[in-house]
């Protein structure tokens, strides 16, 4: 199970063993925030508007690519990213961004 810790684990992304609850690792990644999963990858959105594509594994995770959202909404990015129909949708404040994430 993957998710972000805020005050504990220094605001890192963590992986927990589903059966035991044991922490497998904690990684910095793009910064704590929200996450969604599609096609074997995690799409992580930090509270500071940095989007990350992450290849997860039981021993650690690899940030494959990342980018910052265009200037737009004020304050932290708290909405979860959504994958639908080959597109990544990200909402920040009153702005909605859509990216084509289909494999070529």
C-alpha atoms as a PDB file:
ATOM      1  CA  UNK A   1       0.000   0.000   0.000  1.00  0.00           C
ATOM      2  CA  UNK A   2       1.414   3.386  -1.023  1.00  0.00           C
ATOM      3  CA  UNK A   3       0.718   6.833   0.383  1.00  0.00           C
ATOM      4  CA  UNK A   4       2.207  10.035   1.770  1.00  0.00           C
ATOM      5  CA  UNK A   5       3.057  10.830   5.373  1.00  0.00           C
ATOM      6  CA  UNK A   6       2.825  14.361   6.590  1.00  0.00           C
ATOM      7  CA  UNK A   7       4.233  15.048  10.055  1.00  0.00           C
ATOM      8  CA  UNK A   8       5.638  11.543  10.552  1.00  0.00           C
ATOM      9  CA  UNK A   9       8.395  10.136   8.321  1.00  0.00           C
ATOM     10  CA  UNK A  10       9.463  13.676   7.321  1.00  0.00           C
ATOM     11  CA  UNK A  11       6.686  14.134   4.728  1.00  0.00           C
ATOM     12  CA  UNK A  12       7.830  11.186   2.596  1.00  0.00           C
ATOM     13  CA  UNK A  13       6.038   8.631   0.423  1.00  0.00           C
ATOM     14  CA  UNK A  14       5.751   5.286   2.185  1.00  0.00           C
ATOM     15  CA  UNK A  15       5.084   1.709   1.184  1.00  0.00           C
ATOM     16  CA  UNK A  16       3.393  -0.562   3.729  1.00  0.00           C
ATOM     17  CA  UNK A  17       3.030  -4.324   3.538  1.00  0.00           C
ATOM     18  CA  UNK A  18      -0.722  -4.893   3.132  1.00  0.00           C
ATOM     19  CA  UNK A  19      -0.843  -8.024   5.336  1.00  0.00           C
ATOM     20  CA  UNK A  20       1.381  -6.918   8.220  1.00  0.00           C
ATOM     21  CA  UNK A  21       1.315  -3.110   8.118  1.00  0.00           C
ATOM     22  CA  UNK A  22       5.122  -3.122   8.262  1.00  0.00           C
ATOM     23  CA  UNK A  23       6.780  -0.128   6.624  1.00  0.00           C
ATOM     24  CA  UNK A  24       8.792  -1.307   3.604  1.00  0.00           C
ATOM     25  CA  UNK A  25      10.359   2.087   2.819  1.00  0.00           C
ATOM     26  CA  UNK A  26       9.944   5.859   2.940  1.00  0.00           C
ATOM     27  CA  UNK A  27      11.137   7.972  -0.038  1.00  0.00           C
ATOM     28  CA  UNK A  28      11.202  11.724  -0.675  1.00  0.00           C
ATOM     29  CA  UNK A  29       9.776  11.588  -4.235  1.00  0.00           C
ATOM     30  CA  UNK A  30       8.190  14.859  -5.408  1.00  0.00           C
ATOM     31  CA  UNK A  31       7.037  15.818  -1.908  1.00  0.00           C
ATOM     32  CA  UNK A  32       4.010  14.665   0.079  1.00  0.00           C
ATOM     33  CA  UNK A  33       0.579  14.940  -1.455  1.00  0.00           C
ATOM     34  CA  UNK A  34      -1.978  12.793  -3.283  1.00  0.00           C
ATOM     35  CA  UNK A  35      -1.603   9.721  -5.469  1.00  0.00           C
ATOM     36  CA  UNK A  36      -3.399   7.599  -8.046  1.00  0.00           C
ATOM     37  CA  UNK A  37      -2.410   4.362  -9.790  1.00  0.00           C
ATOM     38  CA  UNK A  38      -2.665   3.293 -13.448  1.00  0.00           C
ATOM     39  CA  UNK A  39      -0.861   0.769 -15.651  1.00  0.00           C
ATOM     40  CA  UNK A  40       1.665  -0.232 -12.998  1.00  0.00           C
ATOM     41  CA  UNK A  41       2.715   3.334 -12.199  1.00  0.00           C
ATOM     42  CA  UNK A  42       1.954   5.806  -9.432  1.00  0.00           C
ATOM     43  CA  UNK A  43       0.999   9.354 -10.377  1.00  0.00           C
ATOM     44  CA  UNK A  44       1.971  11.529  -7.416  1.00  0.00           C
ATOM     45  CA  UNK A  45       0.992  15.169  -6.989  1.00  0.00           C
ATOM     46  CA  UNK A  46       2.791  17.141  -4.294  1.00  0.00           C
ATOM     47  CA  UNK A  47       1.102  19.848  -2.257  1.00  0.00           C
ATOM     48  CA  UNK A  48       3.509  22.236  -4.000  1.00  0.00           C
ATOM     49  CA  UNK A  49       2.162  21.440  -7.501  1.00  0.00           C
ATOM     50  CA  UNK A  50       4.892  19.027  -8.619  1.00  0.00           C
ATOM     51  CA  UNK A  51       3.606  16.011 -10.575  1.00  0.00           C
ATOM     52  CA  UNK A  52       5.626  12.783 -10.523  1.00  0.00           C
ATOM     53  CA  UNK A  53       5.448   9.515 -12.457  1.00  0.00           C
ATOM     54  CA  UNK A  54       6.756   6.815 -10.118  1.00  0.00           C
ATOM     55  CA  UNK A  55       7.666   3.178 -10.703  1.00  0.00           C
ATOM     56  CA  UNK A  56       6.858   1.511  -7.369  1.00  0.00           C
ATOM     57  CA  UNK A  57       8.488  -1.572  -5.904  1.00  0.00           C
ATOM     58  CA  UNK A  58       8.674  -3.286  -2.519  1.00  0.00           C
ATOM     59  CA  UNK A  59      12.241  -2.045  -1.919  1.00  0.00           C
ATOM     60  CA  UNK A  60      11.913   1.557  -3.073  1.00  0.00           C
ATOM     61  CA  UNK A  61      10.469   3.698  -5.791  1.00  0.00           C
ATOM     62  CA  UNK A  62      11.924   5.433  -8.822  1.00  0.00           C
ATOM     63  CA  UNK A  63      10.703   8.825 -10.002  1.00  0.00           C
ATOM     64  CA  UNK A  64      10.660   8.238 -13.784  1.00  0.00           C
ATOM     65  CA  UNK A  65       9.663  11.802 -14.676  1.00  0.00           C
ATOM     66  CA  UNK A  66       8.273  14.929 -13.068  1.00  0.00           C
ATOM     67  CA  UNK A  67       7.050  18.411 -13.879  1.00  0.00           C
ATOM     68  CA  UNK A  68       5.601  21.455 -12.162  1.00  0.00           C
ATOM     69  CA  UNK A  69       2.022  22.495 -12.914  1.00  0.00           C
ATOM     70  CA  UNK A  70       1.676  25.795 -14.796  1.00  0.00           C
ATOM     71  CA  UNK A  71       1.158  28.838 -12.597  1.00  0.00           C
ATOM     72  CA  UNK A  72      -2.495  28.982 -11.743  1.00  0.00           C
ATOM     73  CA  UNK A  73      -4.294  28.263  -8.521  1.00  0.00           C
ATOM     74  CA  UNK A  74      -3.156  29.652  -5.217  1.00  0.00           C
ATOM     75  CA  UNK A  75      -2.253  27.538  -2.203  1.00  0.00           C
ATOM     76  CA  UNK A  76      -1.501  23.816  -1.891  1.00  0.00           C
ATOM     77  CA  UNK A  77      -2.565  21.203  -4.461  1.00  0.00           C
ATOM     78  CA  UNK A  78      -4.785  18.779  -2.552  1.00  0.00           C
ATOM     79  CA  UNK A  79      -7.011  17.195  -5.221  1.00  0.00           C
ATOM     80  CA  UNK A  80      -6.129  13.678  -6.345  1.00  0.00           C
ATOM     81  CA  UNK A  81      -4.941  13.239  -9.921  1.00  0.00           C
ATOM     82  CA  UNK A  82      -7.294  11.171 -12.116  1.00  0.00           C
ATOM     83  CA  UNK A  83      -6.481   8.902 -15.079  1.00  0.00           C
ATOM     84  CA  UNK A  84      -9.341   8.289 -17.528  1.00  0.00           C
ATOM     85  CA  UNK A  85      -9.377   7.482 -21.235  1.00  0.00           C
ATOM     86  CA  UNK A  86      -5.611   7.858 -21.586  1.00  0.00           C
ATOM     87  CA  UNK A  87      -5.590  11.301 -20.019  1.00  0.00           C
ATOM     88  CA  UNK A  88      -4.223  12.585 -16.729  1.00  0.00           C
ATOM     89  CA  UNK A  89      -6.510  15.183 -15.125  1.00  0.00           C
ATOM     90  CA  UNK A  90      -5.194  17.458 -12.405  1.00  0.00           C
ATOM     91  CA  UNK A  91      -7.286  20.069 -10.608  1.00  0.00           C
ATOM     92  CA  UNK A  92      -5.668  22.903  -8.691  1.00  0.00           C
ATOM     93  CA  UNK A  93      -7.989  25.539  -7.261  1.00  0.00           C
ATOM     94  CA  UNK A  94     -10.137  26.786 -10.198  1.00  0.00           C
ATOM     95  CA  UNK A  95      -7.876  25.269 -12.876  1.00  0.00           C
ATOM     96  CA  UNK A  96      -8.148  21.866 -14.573  1.00  0.00           C
ATOM     97  CA  UNK A  97      -5.169  20.511 -16.509  1.00  0.00           C
ATOM     98  CA  UNK A  98      -5.355  17.536 -18.922  1.00  0.00           C
ATOM     99  CA  UNK A  99      -2.361  15.616 -20.264  1.00  0.00           C
ATOM    100  CA  UNK A 100      -2.284  12.779 -22.809  1.00  0.00           C
ATOM    101  CA  UNK A 101      -0.489   9.887 -21.071  1.00  0.00           C
ATOM    102  CA  UNK A 102      -1.184   7.129 -23.593  1.00  0.00           C
ATOM    103  CA  UNK A 103       1.784   5.017 -24.683  1.00  0.00           C
ATOM    104  CA  UNK A 104       2.952   5.738 -28.211  1.00  0.00           C
END
